[in-house]
PDB file of N, CA and C in Angstrom:
ATOM      1  N   UNK A   1     -10.842  30.824-108.843  1.00  0.00           N
ATOM      2  CA  UNK A   1     -10.586  30.742-107.267  1.00  0.00           C
ATOM      3  C   UNK A   1     -10.638  32.017-105.955  1.00  0.00           C
ATOM      4  N   UNK A   2     -10.836  31.247-104.936  1.00  0.00           N
ATOM      5  CA  UNK A   2     -11.297  32.502-104.333  1.00  0.00           C
ATOM      6  C   UNK A   2     -10.532  32.020-103.056  1.00  0.00           C
ATOM      7  N   UNK A   3      -9.435  31.557-103.145  1.00  0.00           N
ATOM      8  CA  UNK A   3      -8.393  30.956-102.021  1.00  0.00           C
ATOM      9  C   UNK A   3      -7.525  32.298-101.616  1.00  0.00           C
ATOM     10  N   UNK A   4      -6.711  32.340-100.615  1.00  0.00           N
ATOM     11  CA  UNK A   4      -5.781  33.579-100.329  1.00  0.00           C
ATOM     12  C   UNK A   4      -5.111  32.959 -99.073  1.00  0.00           C
ATOM     13  N   UNK A   5      -3.888  33.954 -98.726  1.00  0.00           N
ATOM     14  CA  UNK A   5      -2.956  33.504 -97.524  1.00  0.00           C
ATOM     15  C   UNK A   5      -2.820  34.733 -96.749  1.00  0.00           C
ATOM     16  N   UNK A   6      -3.038  34.643 -95.495  1.00  0.00           N
ATOM     17  CA  UNK A   6      -2.445  35.693 -94.474  1.00  0.00           C
ATOM     18  C   UNK A   6      -1.673  34.925 -93.619  1.00  0.00           C
ATOM     19  N   UNK A   7      -0.884  35.766 -93.023  1.00  0.00           N
ATOM     20  CA  UNK A   7      -0.220  35.833 -91.909  1.00  0.00           C
ATOM     21  C   UNK A   7       0.432  36.941 -90.687  1.00  0.00           C
ATOM     22  N   UNK A   8       0.482  36.452 -89.833  1.00  0.00           N
ATOM     23  CA  UNK A   8       0.972  37.273 -88.506  1.00  0.00           C
ATOM     24  C   UNK A   8       2.208  36.950 -87.768  1.00  0.00           C
ATOM     25  N   UNK A   9       2.658  37.755 -87.107  1.00  0.00           N
ATOM     26  CA  UNK A   9       3.673  37.784 -86.195  1.00  0.00           C
ATOM     27  C   UNK A   9       3.440  37.903 -84.679  1.00  0.00           C
ATOM     28  N   UNK A  10       3.350  37.250 -83.573  1.00  0.00           N
ATOM     29  CA  UNK A  10       3.433  37.423 -82.401  1.00  0.00           C
ATOM     30  C   UNK A  10       4.769  37.340 -81.508  1.00  0.00           C
ATOM     31  N   UNK A  11       5.049  38.590 -80.817  1.00  0.00           N
ATOM     32  CA  UNK A  11       6.315  38.520 -79.976  1.00  0.00           C
ATOM     33  C   UNK A  11       6.194  37.830 -78.568  1.00  0.00           C
ATOM     34  N   UNK A  12       6.507  36.519 -78.487  1.00  0.00           N
ATOM     35  CA  UNK A  12       5.792  36.025 -77.315  1.00  0.00           C
ATOM     36  C   UNK A  12       6.578  36.379 -76.227  1.00  0.00           C
ATOM     37  N   UNK A  13       8.113  36.917 -76.062  1.00  0.00           N
ATOM     38  CA  UNK A  13       8.647  37.288 -75.252  1.00  0.00           C
ATOM     39  C   UNK A  13       8.241  38.722 -74.414  1.00  0.00           C
ATOM     40  N   UNK A  14       7.943  39.468 -75.311  1.00  0.00           N
ATOM     41  CA  UNK A  14       7.142  40.493 -74.994  1.00  0.00           C
ATOM     42  C   UNK A  14       6.006  40.747 -74.673  1.00  0.00           C
ATOM     43  N   UNK A  15       5.045  39.700 -75.320  1.00  0.00           N
ATOM     44  CA  UNK A  15       3.661  39.913 -75.415  1.00  0.00           C
ATOM     45  C   UNK A  15       2.814  40.553 -76.008  1.00  0.00           C
ATOM     46  N   UNK A  16       3.403  40.723 -77.430  1.00  0.00           N
ATOM     47  CA  UNK A  16       2.920  41.932 -78.085  1.00  0.00           C
ATOM     48  C   UNK A  16       2.927  41.460 -79.514  1.00  0.00           C
ATOM     49  N   UNK A  17       2.406  41.984 -80.123  1.00  0.00           N
ATOM     50  CA  UNK A  17       2.567  41.661 -81.869  1.00  0.00           C
ATOM     51  C   UNK A  17       3.595  42.463 -82.292  1.00  0.00           C
ATOM     52  N   UNK A  18       4.424  41.571 -83.199  1.00  0.00           N
ATOM     53  CA  UNK A  18       5.683  41.722 -83.897  1.00  0.00           C
ATOM     54  C   UNK A  18       5.609  42.852 -84.888  1.00  0.00           C
ATOM     55  N   UNK A  19       5.518  44.424 -84.389  1.00  0.00           N
ATOM     56  CA  UNK A  19       5.523  45.304 -85.757  1.00  0.00           C
ATOM     57  C   UNK A  19       6.974  45.677 -86.406  1.00  0.00           C
ATOM     58  N   UNK A  20       6.921  46.049 -87.622  1.00  0.00           N
ATOM     59  CA  UNK A  20       8.084  46.074 -88.209  1.00  0.00           C
ATOM     60  C   UNK A  20       8.853  45.082 -89.009  1.00  0.00           C
ATOM     61  N   UNK A  21       8.229  43.558 -88.598  1.00  0.00           N
ATOM     62  CA  UNK A  21       8.896  42.727 -89.331  1.00  0.00           C
ATOM     63  C   UNK A  21       8.913  42.312 -90.628  1.00  0.00           C
ATOM     64  N   UNK A  22       9.879  42.270 -91.244  1.00  0.00           N
ATOM     65  CA  UNK A  22       9.873  41.726 -92.727  1.00  0.00           C
ATOM     66  C   UNK A  22       9.504  40.427 -93.273  1.00  0.00           C
ATOM     67  N   UNK A  23       8.692  40.338 -93.827  1.00  0.00           N
ATOM     68  CA  UNK A  23       8.432  39.122 -94.214  1.00  0.00           C
ATOM     69  C   UNK A  23       8.392  38.704 -95.987  1.00  0.00           C
ATOM     70  N   UNK A  24       9.236  37.737 -96.566  1.00  0.00           N
ATOM     71  CA  UNK A  24       9.249  37.427 -97.877  1.00  0.00           C
ATOM     72  C   UNK A  24       8.264  35.958 -98.262  1.00  0.00           C
ATOM     73  N   UNK A  25       7.522  35.838 -99.139  1.00  0.00           N
ATOM     74  CA  UNK A  25       7.060  34.916 -99.762  1.00  0.00           C
ATOM     75  C   UNK A  25       7.454  34.423-100.925  1.00  0.00           C
ATOM     76  N   UNK A  26       8.066  33.027-100.757  1.00  0.00           N
ATOM     77  CA  UNK A  26       8.813  32.548-102.257  1.00  0.00           C
ATOM     78  C   UNK A  26       7.334  31.412-102.563  1.00  0.00           C
ATOM     79  N   UNK A  27       7.313  30.951-104.004  1.00  0.00           N
ATOM     80  CA  UNK A  27       6.773  29.988-104.634  1.00  0.00           C
ATOM     81  C   UNK A  27       8.123  29.004-104.886  1.00  0.00           C
ATOM     82  N   UNK A  28       7.850  27.894-104.120  1.00  0.00           N
ATOM     83  CA  UNK A  28       8.367  26.740-104.789  1.00  0.00           C
ATOM     84  C   UNK A  28       8.106  25.655-105.781  1.00  0.00           C
ATOM     85  N   UNK A  29       9.072  25.514-106.947  1.00  0.00           N
ATOM     86  CA  UNK A  29       8.701  24.257-107.985  1.00  0.00           C
ATOM     87  C   UNK A  29       9.910  23.454-108.245  1.00  0.00           C
ATOM     88  N   UNK A  30       9.886  22.403-107.449  1.00  0.00           N
ATOM     89  CA  UNK A  30      11.268  21.786-107.534  1.00  0.00           C
ATOM     90  C   UNK A  30      12.319  22.632-106.843  1.00  0.00           C
ATOM     91  N   UNK A  31      13.301  22.791-107.822  1.00  0.00           N
ATOM     92  CA  UNK A  31      14.489  23.674-107.161  1.00  0.00           C
ATOM     93  C   UNK A  31      14.143  24.809-107.509  1.00  0.00           C
ATOM     94  N   UNK A  32      13.264  25.291-108.080  1.00  0.00           N
ATOM     95  CA  UNK A  32      13.250  26.816-108.501  1.00  0.00           C
ATOM     96  C   UNK A  32      12.654  27.511-107.265  1.00  0.00           C
ATOM     97  N   UNK A  33      13.080  28.809-106.626  1.00  0.00           N
ATOM     98  CA  UNK A  33      12.655  29.479-105.803  1.00  0.00           C
ATOM     99  C   UNK A  33      12.161  30.635-106.205  1.00  0.00           C
ATOM    100  N   UNK A  34      10.816  31.123-106.408  1.00  0.00           N
ATOM    101  CA  UNK A  34      10.518  32.678-107.100  1.00  0.00           C
ATOM    102  C   UNK A  34       9.885  33.584-106.215  1.00  0.00           C
ATOM    103  N   UNK A  35      10.379  34.607-105.687  1.00  0.00           N
ATOM    104  CA  UNK A  35      10.038  35.648-104.871  1.00  0.00           C
ATOM    105  C   UNK A  35       8.683  36.257-105.453  1.00  0.00           C
ATOM    106  N   UNK A  36       7.407  35.901-104.653  1.00  0.00           N
ATOM    107  CA  UNK A  36       6.307  36.576-104.930  1.00  0.00           C
ATOM    108  C   UNK A  36       6.189  38.082-104.493  1.00  0.00           C
ATOM    109  N   UNK A  37       6.547  38.062-102.883  1.00  0.00           N
ATOM    110  CA  UNK A  37       6.388  39.584-102.749  1.00  0.00           C
ATOM    111  C   UNK A  37       7.042  39.709-101.181  1.00  0.00           C
ATOM    112  N   UNK A  38       7.283  40.618-100.826  1.00  0.00           N
ATOM    113  CA  UNK A  38       7.934  41.106 -99.628  1.00  0.00           C
ATOM    114  C   UNK A  38       7.094  42.390 -98.799  1.00  0.00           C
ATOM    115  N   UNK A  39       6.891  41.760 -97.749  1.00  0.00           N
ATOM    116  CA  UNK A  39       5.823  42.929 -96.864  1.00  0.00           C
ATOM    117  C   UNK A  39       6.609  43.156 -95.454  1.00  0.00           C
ATOM    118  N   UNK A  40       5.881  44.293 -94.672  1.00  0.00           N
ATOM    119  CA  UNK A  40       6.452  44.201 -93.597  1.00  0.00           C
ATOM    120  C   UNK A  40       5.203  44.574 -92.763  1.00  0.00           C
ATOM    121  N   UNK A  41       5.190  43.756 -91.131  1.00  0.00           N
ATOM    122  CA  UNK A  41       3.833  43.723 -90.688  1.00  0.00           C
ATOM    123  C   UNK A  41       3.750  45.124 -89.968  1.00  0.00           C
ATOM    124  N   UNK A  42       2.207  45.376 -89.713  1.00  0.00           N
ATOM    125  CA  UNK A  42       1.998  46.533 -88.912  1.00  0.00           C
ATOM    126  C   UNK A  42       2.020  46.526 -87.534  1.00  0.00           C
ATOM    127  N   UNK A  43       1.168  47.798 -86.994  1.00  0.00           N
ATOM    128  CA  UNK A  43       1.039  47.772 -85.387  1.00  0.00           C
ATOM    129  C   UNK A  43       0.474  46.613 -84.840  1.00  0.00           C
ATOM    130  N   UNK A  44      -0.507  46.076 -85.624  1.00  0.00           N
ATOM    131  CA  UNK A  44      -0.975  44.291 -85.076  1.00  0.00           C
ATOM    132  C   UNK A  44      -0.307  43.212 -85.371  1.00  0.00           C
ATOM    133  N   UNK A  45       0.836  43.230 -85.816  1.00  0.00           N
ATOM    134  CA  UNK A  45       1.666  42.449 -86.221  1.00  0.00           C
ATOM    135  C   UNK A  45       1.063  41.939 -87.765  1.00  0.00           C
ATOM    136  N   UNK A  46       0.771  42.266 -88.131  1.00  0.00           N
ATOM    137  CA  UNK A  46      -0.178  41.701 -89.630  1.00  0.00           C
ATOM    138  C   UNK A  46       0.399  42.108 -90.928  1.00  0.00           C
ATOM    139  N   UNK A  47       0.076  41.682 -92.316  1.00  0.00           N
ATOM    140  CA  UNK A  47       0.621  42.387 -93.296  1.00  0.00           C
ATOM    141  C   UNK A  47      -0.818  43.231 -93.300  1.00  0.00           C
ATOM    142  N   UNK A  48      -0.856  44.537 -94.227  1.00  0.00           N
ATOM    143  CA  UNK A  48      -1.815  45.359 -94.291  1.00  0.00           C
ATOM    144  C   UNK A  48      -2.986  44.612 -95.306  1.00  0.00           C
ATOM    145  N   UNK A  49      -2.368  43.589 -95.936  1.00  0.00           N
ATOM    146  CA  UNK A  49      -3.437  43.061 -97.038  1.00  0.00           C
ATOM    147  C   UNK A  49      -2.851  41.663 -97.283  1.00  0.00           C
ATOM    148  N   UNK A  50      -3.749  40.685 -97.639  1.00  0.00           N
ATOM    149  CA  UNK A  50      -3.262  39.080 -97.600  1.00  0.00           C
ATOM    150  C   UNK A  50      -1.896  39.285 -98.349  1.00  0.00           C
ATOM    151  N   UNK A  51      -0.966  38.303 -98.019  1.00  0.00           N
ATOM    152  CA  UNK A  51       0.464  38.391 -98.648  1.00  0.00           C
ATOM    153  C   UNK A  51       0.142  37.395 -99.708  1.00  0.00           C
ATOM    154  N   UNK A  52      -0.767  36.845 -99.889  1.00  0.00           N
ATOM    155  CA  UNK A  52      -1.303  35.926-101.334  1.00  0.00           C
ATOM    156  C   UNK A  52      -2.389  36.264-101.534  1.00  0.00           C
ATOM    157  N   UNK A  53      -3.075  37.405-102.275  1.00  0.00           N
ATOM    158  CA  UNK A  53      -4.187  37.655-102.284  1.00  0.00           C
ATOM    159  C   UNK A  53      -5.306  36.881-103.394  1.00  0.00           C
ATOM    160  N   UNK A  54      -6.428  36.704-103.160  1.00  0.00           N
ATOM    161  CA  UNK A  54      -7.135  36.130-104.269  1.00  0.00           C
ATOM    162  C   UNK A  54      -6.843  36.003-105.697  1.00  0.00           C
ATOM    163  N   UNK A  55      -6.504  37.383-106.123  1.00  0.00           N
ATOM    164  CA  UNK A  55      -6.441  37.628-107.557  1.00  0.00           C
ATOM    165  C   UNK A  55      -5.069  36.771-108.416  1.00  0.00           C
ATOM    166  N   UNK A  56      -4.260  36.596-107.192  1.00  0.00           N
ATOM    167  CA  UNK A  56      -2.704  35.982-107.654  1.00  0.00           C
ATOM    168  C   UNK A  56      -2.663  34.450-106.964  1.00  0.00           C
ATOM    169  N   UNK A  57      -3.587  34.181-106.238  1.00  0.00           N
ATOM    170  CA  UNK A  57      -3.595  32.868-105.415  1.00  0.00           C
ATOM    171  C   UNK A  57      -3.087  31.888-106.517  1.00  0.00           C
ATOM    172  N   UNK A  58      -2.743  30.619-106.232  1.00  0.00           N
ATOM    173  CA  UNK A  58      -2.087  29.480-106.913  1.00  0.00           C
ATOM    174  C   UNK A  58      -2.024  28.371-105.671  1.00  0.00           C
ATOM    175  N   UNK A  59      -2.760  27.499-106.031  1.00  0.00           N
ATOM    176  CA  UNK A  59      -2.215  26.068-105.136  1.00  0.00           C
ATOM    177  C   UNK A  59      -0.797  25.610-105.309  1.00  0.00           C
ATOM    178  N   UNK A  60      -0.169  25.482-104.407  1.00  0.00           N
ATOM    179  CA  UNK A  60       1.301  24.842-104.474  1.00  0.00           C
ATOM    180  C   UNK A  60       2.126  24.885-103.439  1.00  0.00           C
ATOM    181  N   UNK A  61       3.486  24.640-103.523  1.00  0.00           N
ATOM    182  CA  UNK A  61       4.201  24.803-102.426  1.00  0.00           C
ATOM    183  C   UNK A  61       4.733  25.975-102.178  1.00  0.00           C
ATOM    184  N   UNK A  62       4.869  26.891-101.268  1.00  0.00           N
ATOM    185  CA  UNK A  62       5.490  28.003-100.782  1.00  0.00           C
ATOM    186  C   UNK A  62       6.287  27.856 -99.538  1.00  0.00           C
ATOM    187  N   UNK A  63       6.951  29.536 -99.379  1.00  0.00           N
ATOM    188  CA  UNK A  63       7.902  29.361 -98.321  1.00  0.00           C
ATOM    189  C   UNK A  63       7.882  30.625 -97.759  1.00  0.00           C
ATOM    190  N   UNK A  64       7.493  30.950 -96.494  1.00  0.00           N
ATOM    191  CA  UNK A  64       7.385  32.344 -95.823  1.00  0.00           C
ATOM    192  C   UNK A  64       8.364  32.702 -95.048  1.00  0.00           C
ATOM    193  N   UNK A  65       9.388  33.299 -95.169  1.00  0.00           N
ATOM    194  CA  UNK A  65      10.575  33.871 -94.712  1.00  0.00           C
ATOM    195  C   UNK A  65      10.449  35.055 -93.536  1.00  0.00           C
ATOM    196  N   UNK A  66      10.667  34.313 -92.458  1.00  0.00           N
ATOM    197  CA  UNK A  66      10.482  35.859 -91.594  1.00  0.00           C
ATOM    198  C   UNK A  66      11.514  36.477 -91.047  1.00  0.00           C
ATOM    199  N   UNK A  67      12.048  37.475 -91.314  1.00  0.00           N
ATOM    200  CA  UNK A  67      13.177  38.098 -90.869  1.00  0.00           C
ATOM    201  C   UNK A  67      13.318  38.606 -89.492  1.00  0.00           C
ATOM    202  N   UNK A  68      13.537  37.245 -88.830  1.00  0.00           N
ATOM    203  CA  UNK A  68      13.483  37.902 -87.307  1.00  0.00           C
ATOM    204  C   UNK A  68      14.687  38.658 -86.743  1.00  0.00           C
ATOM    205  N   UNK A  69      15.653  38.252 -86.978  1.00  0.00           N
ATOM    206  CA  UNK A  69      16.928  38.882 -86.775  1.00  0.00           C
ATOM    207  C   UNK A  69      17.023  40.408 -86.723  1.00  0.00           C
ATOM    208  N   UNK A  70      16.739  40.908 -88.146  1.00  0.00           N
ATOM    209  CA  UNK A  70      16.452  42.234 -88.067  1.00  0.00           C
ATOM    210  C   UNK A  70      15.268  42.821 -86.684  1.00  0.00           C
ATOM    211  N   UNK A  71      14.157  42.169 -86.780  1.00  0.00           N
ATOM    212  CA  UNK A  71      13.284  42.731 -85.774  1.00  0.00           C
ATOM    213  C   UNK A  71      13.714  42.453 -84.315  1.00  0.00           C
ATOM    214  N   UNK A  72      14.424  41.560 -84.190  1.00  0.00           N
ATOM    215  CA  UNK A  72      15.105  41.149 -82.828  1.00  0.00           C
ATOM    216  C   UNK A  72      15.828  42.311 -82.700  1.00  0.00           C
ATOM    217  N   UNK A  73      16.907  42.548 -83.128  1.00  0.00           N
ATOM    218  CA  UNK A  73      17.542  43.839 -82.953  1.00  0.00           C
ATOM    219  C   UNK A  73      16.818  45.063 -83.051  1.00  0.00           C
ATOM    220  N   UNK A  74      16.038  45.296 -83.939  1.00  0.00           N
ATOM    221  CA  UNK A  74      15.360  46.571 -83.663  1.00  0.00           C
ATOM    222  C   UNK A  74      14.666  46.876 -82.273  1.00  0.00           C
ATOM    223  N   UNK A  75      14.270  45.874 -82.102  1.00  0.00           N
ATOM    224  CA  UNK A  75      13.525  45.735 -80.410  1.00  0.00           C
ATOM    225  C   UNK A  75      14.170  45.373 -79.401  1.00  0.00           C
ATOM    226  N   UNK A  76      15.717  45.328 -79.778  1.00  0.00           N
ATOM    227  CA  UNK A  76      16.498  45.702 -78.400  1.00  0.00           C
ATOM    228  C   UNK A  76      16.494  44.023 -77.671  1.00  0.00           C
ATOM    229  N   UNK A  77      16.497  42.942 -78.691  1.00  0.00           N
ATOM    230  CA  UNK A  77      16.089  41.646 -77.700  1.00  0.00           C
ATOM    231  C   UNK A  77      17.279  40.608 -78.485  1.00  0.00           C
ATOM    232  N   UNK A  78      18.232  41.253 -79.447  1.00  0.00           N
ATOM    233  CA  UNK A  78      19.079  40.495 -79.841  1.00  0.00           C
ATOM    234  C   UNK A  78      20.279  40.066 -78.706  1.00  0.00           C
ATOM    235  N   UNK A  79      20.864  38.738 -78.693  1.00  0.00           N
ATOM    236  CA  UNK A  79      21.940  38.497 -77.935  1.00  0.00           C
ATOM    237  C   UNK A  79      23.137  38.725 -78.721  1.00  0.00           C
ATOM    238  N   UNK A  80      23.899  37.921 -78.529  1.00  0.00           N
ATOM    239  CA  UNK A  80      25.209  38.085 -79.112  1.00  0.00           C
ATOM    240  C   UNK A  80      25.487  37.843 -80.613  1.00  0.00           C
ATOM    241  N   UNK A  81      25.910  38.063 -81.468  1.00  0.00           N
ATOM    242  CA  UNK A  81      26.128  37.567 -83.144  1.00  0.00           C
ATOM    243  C   UNK A  81      27.110  36.265 -83.065  1.00  0.00           C
ATOM    244  N   UNK A  82      26.424  35.407 -83.801  1.00  0.00           N
ATOM    245  CA  UNK A  82      25.659  35.236 -84.561  1.00  0.00           C
ATOM    246  C   UNK A  82      24.263  34.991 -83.636  1.00  0.00           C
ATOM    247  N   UNK A  83      23.076  35.564 -84.203  1.00  0.00           N
ATOM    248  CA  UNK A  83      21.821  35.235 -83.457  1.00  0.00           C
ATOM    249  C   UNK A  83      21.253  33.813 -83.434  1.00  0.00           C
ATOM    250  N   UNK A  84      20.701  33.245 -82.479  1.00  0.00           N
ATOM    251  CA  UNK A  84      20.422  32.005 -82.462  1.00  0.00           C
ATOM    252  C   UNK A  84      19.277  31.837 -83.666  1.00  0.00           C
ATOM    253  N   UNK A  85      18.189  33.162 -83.999  1.00  0.00           N
ATOM    254  CA  UNK A  85      17.088  32.962 -84.569  1.00  0.00           C
ATOM    255  C   UNK A  85      17.449  34.126 -85.685  1.00  0.00           C
ATOM    256  N   UNK A  86      17.667  33.856 -87.131  1.00  0.00           N
ATOM    257  CA  UNK A  86      17.802  35.399 -87.743  1.00  0.00           C
ATOM    258  C   UNK A  86      16.917  35.511 -88.591  1.00  0.00           C
ATOM    259  N   UNK A  87      16.860  34.162 -90.170  1.00  0.00           N
ATOM    260  CA  UNK A  87      15.699  33.839 -90.622  1.00  0.00           C
ATOM    261  C   UNK A  87      14.903  32.671 -90.233  1.00  0.00           C
ATOM    262  N   UNK A  88      13.678  32.812 -90.256  1.00  0.00           N
ATOM    263  CA  UNK A  88      12.934  31.714 -89.868  1.00  0.00           C
ATOM    264  C   UNK A  88      11.962  31.508 -91.320  1.00  0.00           C
ATOM    265  N   UNK A  89      12.365  30.335 -92.040  1.00  0.00           N
ATOM    266  CA  UNK A  89      11.501  29.719 -92.894  1.00  0.00           C
ATOM    267  C   UNK A  89      10.653  29.059 -92.595  1.00  0.00           C
ATOM    268  N   UNK A  90       9.206  28.866 -93.261  1.00  0.00           N
ATOM    269  CA  UNK A  90       8.379  27.847 -92.986  1.00  0.00           C
ATOM    270  C   UNK A  90       7.692  27.843 -94.411  1.00  0.00           C
ATOM    271  N   UNK A  91       8.205  26.190 -94.886  1.00  0.00           N
ATOM    272  CA  UNK A  91       7.626  25.844 -95.963  1.00  0.00           C
ATOM    273  C   UNK A  91       6.634  25.122 -95.927  1.00  0.00           C
ATOM    274  N   UNK A  92       5.563  25.628 -96.652  1.00  0.00           N
ATOM    275  CA  UNK A  92       4.160  24.610 -96.296  1.00  0.00           C
ATOM    276  C   UNK A  92       3.202  24.545 -98.022  1.00  0.00           C
ATOM    277  N   UNK A  93       2.423  23.600 -98.092  1.00  0.00           N
ATOM    278  CA  UNK A  93       1.381  23.542 -99.269  1.00  0.00           C
ATOM    279  C   UNK A  93       0.330  23.926 -99.070  1.00  0.00           C
ATOM    280  N   UNK A  94      -0.302  24.555-100.216  1.00  0.00           N
ATOM    281  CA  UNK A  94      -1.864  24.896-100.228  1.00  0.00           C
ATOM    282  C   UNK A  94      -2.462  24.234-101.279  1.00  0.00           C
ATOM    283  N   UNK A  95      -3.507  23.219-101.083  1.00  0.00           N
ATOM    284  CA  UNK A  95      -4.072  22.414-101.914  1.00  0.00           C
ATOM    285  C   UNK A  95      -5.406  22.511-102.495  1.00  0.00           C
ATOM    286  N   UNK A  96      -6.000  23.632-101.773  1.00  0.00           N
ATOM    287  CA  UNK A  96      -7.457  23.818-101.821  1.00  0.00           C
ATOM    288  C   UNK A  96      -7.576  25.181-102.316  1.00  0.00           C
ATOM    289  N   UNK A  97      -7.749  25.089-103.873  1.00  0.00           N
ATOM    290  CA  UNK A  97      -8.035  26.718-104.245  1.00  0.00           C
ATOM    291  C   UNK A  97      -8.954  27.646-103.928  1.00  0.00           C
ATOM    292  N   UNK A  98     -10.010  27.161-103.251  1.00  0.00           N
ATOM    293  CA  UNK A  98     -11.077  28.023-102.420  1.00  0.00           C
ATOM    294  C   UNK A  98     -10.892  28.197-101.009  1.00  0.00           C
ATOM    295  N   UNK A  99      -9.826  27.773-100.280  1.00  0.00           N
ATOM    296  CA  UNK A  99      -9.355  28.223 -99.099  1.00  0.00           C
ATOM    297  C   UNK A  99      -8.810  29.365 -98.548  1.00  0.00           C
ATOM    298  N   UNK A 100      -8.987  29.599 -97.413  1.00  0.00           N
ATOM    299  CA  UNK A 100      -8.193  30.920 -96.723  1.00  0.00           C
ATOM    300  C   UNK A 100      -7.060  30.151 -96.057  1.00  0.00           C
ATOM    301  N   UNK A 101      -5.712  30.442 -96.381  1.00  0.00           N
ATOM    302  CA  UNK A 101      -4.862  29.683 -95.176  1.00  0.00           C
ATOM    303  C   UNK A 101      -4.355  30.824 -94.607  1.00  0.00           C
ATOM    304  N   UNK A 102      -3.956  30.582 -93.158  1.00  0.00           N
ATOM    305  CA  UNK A 102      -3.240  31.437 -92.268  1.00  0.00           C
ATOM    306  C   UNK A 102      -2.128  30.752 -91.564  1.00  0.00           C
ATOM    307  N   UNK A 103      -1.013  31.569 -91.518  1.00  0.00           N
ATOM    308  CA  UNK A 103       0.299  30.665 -91.167  1.00  0.00           C
ATOM    309  C   UNK A 103       0.949  32.068 -90.443  1.00  0.00           C
ATOM    310  N   UNK A 104       0.655  31.953 -88.889  1.00  0.00           N
ATOM    311  CA  UNK A 104       0.890  32.659 -88.204  1.00  0.00           C
ATOM    312  C   UNK A 104       2.663  32.319 -87.531  1.00  0.00           C
ATOM    313  N   UNK A 105       3.228  33.302 -87.222  1.00  0.00           N
ATOM    314  CA  UNK A 105       4.349  33.071 -86.430  1.00  0.00           C
ATOM    315  C   UNK A 105       4.503  33.478 -84.970  1.00  0.00           C
ATOM    316  N   UNK A 106       4.757  32.728 -83.686  1.00  0.00           N
ATOM    317  CA  UNK A 106       5.015  32.920 -82.355  1.00  0.00           C
ATOM    318  C   UNK A 106       6.657  33.017 -82.201  1.00  0.00           C
ATOM    319  N   UNK A 107       7.081  34.151 -81.808  1.00  0.00           N
ATOM    320  CA  UNK A 107       8.340  34.171 -82.168  1.00  0.00           C
ATOM    321  C   UNK A 107       8.973  34.816 -80.487  1.00  0.00           C
ATOM    322  N   UNK A 108      10.423  34.416 -80.282  1.00  0.00           N
ATOM    323  CA  UNK A 108      11.175  34.873 -79.222  1.00  0.00           C
ATOM    324  C   UNK A 108      12.499  34.572 -79.559  1.00  0.00           C
ATOM    325  N   UNK A 109      13.540  35.066 -79.039  1.00  0.00           N
ATOM    326  CA  UNK A 109      14.890  35.349 -79.253  1.00  0.00           C
ATOM    327  C   UNK A 109      15.163  33.882 -79.515  1.00  0.00           C
ATOM    328  N   UNK A 110      14.894  32.825 -78.658  1.00  0.00           N
ATOM    329  CA  UNK A 110      15.470  31.781 -78.746  1.00  0.00           C
ATOM    330  C   UNK A 110      14.297  30.522 -78.838  1.00  0.00           C
ATOM    331  N   UNK A 111      13.099  30.969 -79.722  1.00  0.00           N
ATOM    332  CA  UNK A 111      12.532  29.780 -80.013  1.00  0.00           C
ATOM    333  C   UNK A 111      10.918  30.475 -81.008  1.00  0.00           C
ATOM    334  N   UNK A 112      10.319  29.586 -81.769  1.00  0.00           N
ATOM    335  CA  UNK A 112       9.409  30.124 -82.613  1.00  0.00           C
ATOM    336  C   UNK A 112       8.355  28.867 -82.652  1.00  0.00           C
ATOM    337  N   UNK A 113       7.134  29.133 -83.141  1.00  0.00           N
ATOM    338  CA  UNK A 113       6.079  27.931 -83.683  1.00  0.00           C
ATOM    339  C   UNK A 113       5.338  28.532 -84.295  1.00  0.00           C
ATOM    340  N   UNK A 114       4.642  27.832 -85.308  1.00  0.00           N
ATOM    341  CA  UNK A 114       3.872  27.967 -86.053  1.00  0.00           C
ATOM    342  C   UNK A 114       2.635  26.949 -86.146  1.00  0.00           C
ATOM    343  N   UNK A 115       1.753  27.228 -86.888  1.00  0.00           N
ATOM    344  CA  UNK A 115       0.583  26.582 -87.060  1.00  0.00           C
ATOM    345  C   UNK A 115      -0.271  26.775 -88.126  1.00  0.00           C
ATOM    346  N   UNK A 116      -1.462  26.261 -88.583  1.00  0.00           N
ATOM    347  CA  UNK A 116      -2.448  26.374 -89.923  1.00  0.00           C
ATOM    348  C   UNK A 116      -3.596  26.881 -89.040  1.00  0.00           C
ATOM    349  N   UNK A 117      -3.729  28.625 -89.383  1.00  0.00           N
ATOM    350  CA  UNK A 117      -4.637  29.317 -88.634  1.00  0.00           C
ATOM    351  C   UNK A 117      -5.907  29.229 -89.166  1.00  0.00           C
ATOM    352  N   UNK A 118      -6.968  30.199 -89.065  1.00  0.00           N
ATOM    353  CA  UNK A 118      -7.924  30.740 -89.371  1.00  0.00           C
ATOM    354  C   UNK A 118      -8.273  31.792 -89.622  1.00  0.00           C
TER     355      UNK A 118
END
């Protein structure tokens, strides 16, 4: 297998990468959720290495949890509690054992979007 998974976060409200945002990766198998790794974005809004590198890559269903609330509080963009967005989960499948999967998050205090990038 040579597949791997990367991600990054862009702060669309400030127009810059979202540095210091914690991301948790889970593997989903039926009702079982297994935490694989937890990372924090660097100054470019990316993790320093693939969040799921080639050596541990497996096809299947995964979930990225972006801890947006902590980031929004730290960047002084948080509104009243409870925040509209606190944790942003994105569940997705990876079926090609040879592919590079890239799942970015475009984030603002009141909305987000994602897509399969390259």
